[in-house]
Amino acid sequence: MIVCVCNNISDREIRQAVELGITSMDELRRDLGVATCCGQCASYAEQVLQARLGQTVDANAAAVAVTELSFRTRQAA
């Protein structure tokens, strides 16, 4: 879905930007041009950004938990 009509930026592009290291609206503005014209997209772009950041953090936490469990199992064996 198009989030920023002025610059033709989709929610997919915002999620991909997060995967590439974007972590703030300032970075989205700088790198993609989101919310730099009329500004009507700013709140939804922020929602997409925060949702994707939350998913990334959750995925990283799960990986750490599995690694720690595997490590403990190996130590016990």
N, C-alpha and C. Protein backbone atom coordinates (compact mmCIF):
# COMPACT_ATOMS: atom_id res chain seq x y z
N MET A 1 0.83 -1.17 0.00
CA MET A 1 0.00 0.00 0.00
C MET A 1 0.89 1.25 0.00
N ILE A 2 0.49 2.25 -0.74
CA ILE A 2 1.25 3.49 -0.77
C ILE A 2 1.02 4.25 0.53
N VAL A 3 2.09 4.61 1.21
CA VAL A 3 2.04 5.37 2.45
C VAL A 3 2.23 6.85 2.15
N CYS A 4 3.24 7.17 1.37
CA CYS A 4 3.55 8.56 1.02
C CYS A 4 3.21 8.76 -0.46
N VAL A 5 2.07 9.40 -0.69
CA VAL A 5 1.62 9.61 -2.06
C VAL A 5 2.54 10.59 -2.79
N CYS A 6 2.99 11.62 -2.10
CA CYS A 6 3.83 12.64 -2.74
C CYS A 6 5.10 12.05 -3.33
N ASN A 7 5.70 11.08 -2.63
CA ASN A 7 6.96 10.49 -3.08
C ASN A 7 6.82 9.04 -3.51
N ASN A 8 5.56 8.54 -3.57
CA ASN A 8 5.28 7.18 -4.02
C ASN A 8 6.07 6.12 -3.23
N ILE A 9 5.97 6.20 -1.90
CA ILE A 9 6.67 5.26 -1.02
C ILE A 9 5.65 4.32 -0.40
N SER A 10 5.90 3.02 -0.52
CA SER A 10 4.96 2.01 -0.01
C SER A 10 5.38 1.53 1.38
N ASP A 11 4.44 0.84 2.03
CA ASP A 11 4.76 0.24 3.33
C ASP A 11 5.84 -0.82 3.18
N ARG A 12 5.86 -1.51 2.06
CA ARG A 12 6.90 -2.51 1.81
C ARG A 12 8.29 -1.87 1.77
N GLU A 13 8.38 -0.71 1.13
CA GLU A 13 9.67 -0.01 1.07
C GLU A 13 10.13 0.44 2.46
N ILE A 14 9.19 0.84 3.28
CA ILE A 14 9.55 1.24 4.66
C ILE A 14 10.04 0.02 5.43
N ARG A 15 9.34 -1.11 5.32
CA ARG A 15 9.79 -2.33 6.01
C ARG A 15 11.16 -2.77 5.51
N GLN A 16 11.39 -2.68 4.21
CA GLN A 16 12.71 -3.05 3.66
C GLN A 16 13.79 -2.11 4.18
N ALA A 17 13.47 -0.84 4.31
CA ALA A 17 14.44 0.13 4.83
C ALA A 17 14.83 -0.22 6.26
N VAL A 18 13.87 -0.68 7.06
CA VAL A 18 14.17 -1.10 8.43
C VAL A 18 15.11 -2.30 8.40
N GLU A 19 14.87 -3.23 7.52
CA GLU A 19 15.74 -4.40 7.40
C GLU A 19 17.16 -3.99 7.02
N LEU A 20 17.29 -2.87 6.33
CA LEU A 20 18.61 -2.37 5.93
C LEU A 20 19.24 -1.44 6.95
N GLY A 21 18.55 -1.22 8.08
CA GLY A 21 19.16 -0.45 9.16
C GLY A 21 18.48 0.84 9.57
N ILE A 22 17.43 1.25 8.88
CA ILE A 22 16.70 2.47 9.26
C ILE A 22 16.01 2.22 10.60
N THR A 23 16.13 3.19 11.53
CA THR A 23 15.52 3.02 12.84
C THR A 23 14.71 4.22 13.31
N SER A 24 14.60 5.26 12.48
CA SER A 24 13.87 6.45 12.93
C SER A 24 13.19 7.15 11.76
N MET A 25 12.23 8.01 12.10
CA MET A 25 11.56 8.80 11.08
C MET A 25 12.53 9.76 10.41
N ASP A 26 13.47 10.30 11.16
CA ASP A 26 14.47 11.19 10.56
C ASP A 26 15.23 10.47 9.44
N GLU A 27 15.57 9.22 9.67
CA GLU A 27 16.28 8.45 8.64
C GLU A 27 15.37 8.14 7.46
N LEU A 28 14.09 7.85 7.73
CA LEU A 28 13.14 7.63 6.63
C LEU A 28 13.00 8.89 5.79
N ARG A 29 12.91 10.03 6.44
CA ARG A 29 12.81 11.30 5.70
C ARG A 29 14.05 11.51 4.84
N ARG A 30 15.21 11.31 5.45
CA ARG A 30 16.48 11.54 4.75
C ARG A 30 16.67 10.58 3.57
N ASP A 31 16.42 9.30 3.80
CA ASP A 31 16.75 8.29 2.80
C ASP A 31 15.64 8.02 1.78
N LEU A 32 14.37 8.10 2.21
CA LEU A 32 13.27 7.80 1.30
C LEU A 32 12.43 9.01 0.93
N GLY A 33 12.54 10.07 1.69
CA GLY A 33 11.73 11.25 1.41
C GLY A 33 10.34 11.20 2.02
N VAL A 34 10.09 10.24 2.92
CA VAL A 34 8.79 10.10 3.55
C VAL A 34 8.48 11.35 4.38
N ALA A 35 7.28 11.87 4.25
CA ALA A 35 6.78 13.02 5.03
C ALA A 35 7.59 14.29 4.81
N THR A 36 8.12 14.47 3.60
CA THR A 36 8.90 15.69 3.33
C THR A 36 8.13 16.72 2.51
N CYS A 37 6.94 16.34 2.02
CA CYS A 37 6.15 17.30 1.22
C CYS A 37 4.96 17.78 2.04
N CYS A 38 3.84 17.12 1.93
CA CYS A 38 2.63 17.58 2.63
C CYS A 38 2.58 17.12 4.08
N GLY A 39 3.25 16.01 4.40
CA GLY A 39 3.30 15.52 5.78
C GLY A 39 2.12 14.68 6.22
N GLN A 40 1.14 14.46 5.34
CA GLN A 40 -0.05 13.68 5.71
C GLN A 40 0.28 12.22 6.04
N CYS A 41 1.39 11.72 5.58
CA CYS A 41 1.73 10.31 5.77
C CYS A 41 2.55 10.06 7.04
N ALA A 42 2.96 11.09 7.73
CA ALA A 42 3.90 10.95 8.84
C ALA A 42 3.43 9.98 9.91
N SER A 43 2.18 10.08 10.34
CA SER A 43 1.72 9.22 11.44
C SER A 43 1.65 7.76 11.01
N TYR A 44 1.16 7.48 9.80
CA TYR A 44 1.09 6.09 9.35
C TYR A 44 2.49 5.53 9.06
N ALA A 45 3.35 6.35 8.50
CA ALA A 45 4.73 5.90 8.26
C ALA A 45 5.39 5.54 9.58
N GLU A 46 5.15 6.32 10.61
CA GLU A 46 5.69 6.03 11.94
C GLU A 46 5.14 4.71 12.47
N GLN A 47 3.86 4.45 12.25
CA GLN A 47 3.26 3.18 12.68
C GLN A 47 3.91 1.99 11.97
N VAL A 48 4.10 2.10 10.67
CA VAL A 48 4.74 1.03 9.90
C VAL A 48 6.16 0.82 10.39
N LEU A 49 6.88 1.91 10.61
CA LEU A 49 8.26 1.84 11.10
C LEU A 49 8.32 1.13 12.45
N GLN A 50 7.50 1.57 13.39
CA GLN A 50 7.53 0.99 14.74
C GLN A 50 7.10 -0.47 14.75
N ALA A 51 6.11 -0.81 13.94
CA ALA A 51 5.67 -2.20 13.86
C ALA A 51 6.79 -3.09 13.34
N ARG A 52 7.49 -2.64 12.31
CA ARG A 52 8.58 -3.44 11.75
C ARG A 52 9.76 -3.51 12.70
N LEU A 53 10.05 -2.42 13.38
CA LEU A 53 11.13 -2.45 14.38
C LEU A 53 10.79 -3.44 15.48
N GLY A 54 9.54 -3.50 15.90
CA GLY A 54 9.11 -4.45 16.92
C GLY A 54 9.27 -5.88 16.46
N GLN A 55 8.95 -6.17 15.20
CA GLN A 55 9.10 -7.51 14.66
C GLN A 55 10.57 -7.90 14.60
N THR A 56 11.42 -6.96 14.24
CA THR A 56 12.85 -7.23 14.15
C THR A 56 13.42 -7.54 15.52
N VAL A 57 13.03 -6.76 16.52
CA VAL A 57 13.51 -6.98 17.89
C VAL A 57 13.04 -8.34 18.39
N ASP A 58 11.76 -8.68 18.15
CA ASP A 58 11.23 -9.96 18.59
C ASP A 58 11.98 -11.12 17.94
N ALA A 59 12.29 -11.01 16.66
CA ALA A 59 13.01 -12.07 15.96
C ALA A 59 14.42 -12.23 16.53
N ASN A 60 15.08 -11.13 16.82
CA ASN A 60 16.42 -11.19 17.40
C ASN A 60 16.39 -11.79 18.79
N ALA A 61 15.40 -11.45 19.59
CA ALA A 61 15.28 -11.99 20.94
C ALA A 61 15.05 -13.49 20.91
N ALA A 62 14.24 -13.95 19.97
CA ALA A 62 13.99 -15.38 19.84
C ALA A 62 15.27 -16.12 19.46
N ALA A 63 16.06 -15.55 18.61
CA ALA A 63 17.31 -16.19 18.20
C ALA A 63 18.27 -16.29 19.38
N VAL A 64 18.33 -15.25 20.19
CA VAL A 64 19.19 -15.29 21.36
C VAL A 64 18.72 -16.34 22.34
N ALA A 65 17.42 -16.43 22.55
CA ALA A 65 16.88 -17.40 23.49
C ALA A 65 17.22 -18.82 23.03
N VAL A 66 17.07 -19.09 21.75
CA VAL A 66 17.37 -20.43 21.23
C VAL A 66 18.85 -20.72 21.38
N THR A 67 19.69 -19.76 21.09
CA THR A 67 21.13 -19.95 21.23
C THR A 67 21.50 -20.24 22.68
N GLU A 68 20.91 -19.51 23.61
CA GLU A 68 21.20 -19.72 25.02
C GLU A 68 20.73 -21.10 25.47
N LEU A 69 19.55 -21.52 25.01
CA LEU A 69 19.06 -22.84 25.37
C LEU A 69 19.97 -23.92 24.81
N SER A 70 20.38 -23.77 23.56
CA SER A 70 21.26 -24.74 22.94
C SER A 70 22.59 -24.80 23.68
N PHE A 71 23.09 -23.65 24.07
CA PHE A 71 24.35 -23.59 24.77
C PHE A 71 24.26 -24.31 26.11
N ARG A 72 23.22 -24.09 26.86
CA ARG A 72 23.03 -24.75 28.15
C ARG A 72 22.89 -26.25 27.99
N THR A 73 22.18 -26.67 26.94
CA THR A 73 22.00 -28.11 26.70
C THR A 73 23.35 -28.76 26.41
N ARG A 74 24.17 -28.11 25.62
CA ARG A 74 25.49 -28.66 25.30
C ARG A 74 26.37 -28.73 26.55
N GLN A 75 26.28 -27.75 27.40
CA GLN A 75 27.09 -27.74 28.62
C GLN A 75 26.68 -28.88 29.55
N ALA A 76 25.38 -29.15 29.62
CA ALA A 76 24.89 -30.19 30.51
C ALA A 76 25.25 -31.58 30.00
N ALA A 77 25.37 -31.76 28.72
CA ALA A 77 25.61 -33.07 28.13
C ALA A 77 27.02 -33.53 28.23
